[in-house]
């Protein structure tokens, strides 16, 4: 788990060191209950409610993380 704001520059690592392949298996550590409470009546809350469930496949998790990240950044740009 990692802070959602942290983004790794994997290309720089690959060019600087002799690395054959870099796989980032980290996941952003969003507080979904807090995000849902804060955004229960807007698109972010609706998105979390529609996608989040107890047992999620890796693809479903990525969709949730990417979607929440995009919606949060879109909200930031409009502010």
Foldseek 3Di string as FASTA:
>chain_A
DAALVDDDPVVVVVVVDVDPDDDDPDAHDDPLVVQLVVPVPDPLVVLCVVQDDDDDDPVSSVCNRVVNVVVVVVVVVVD
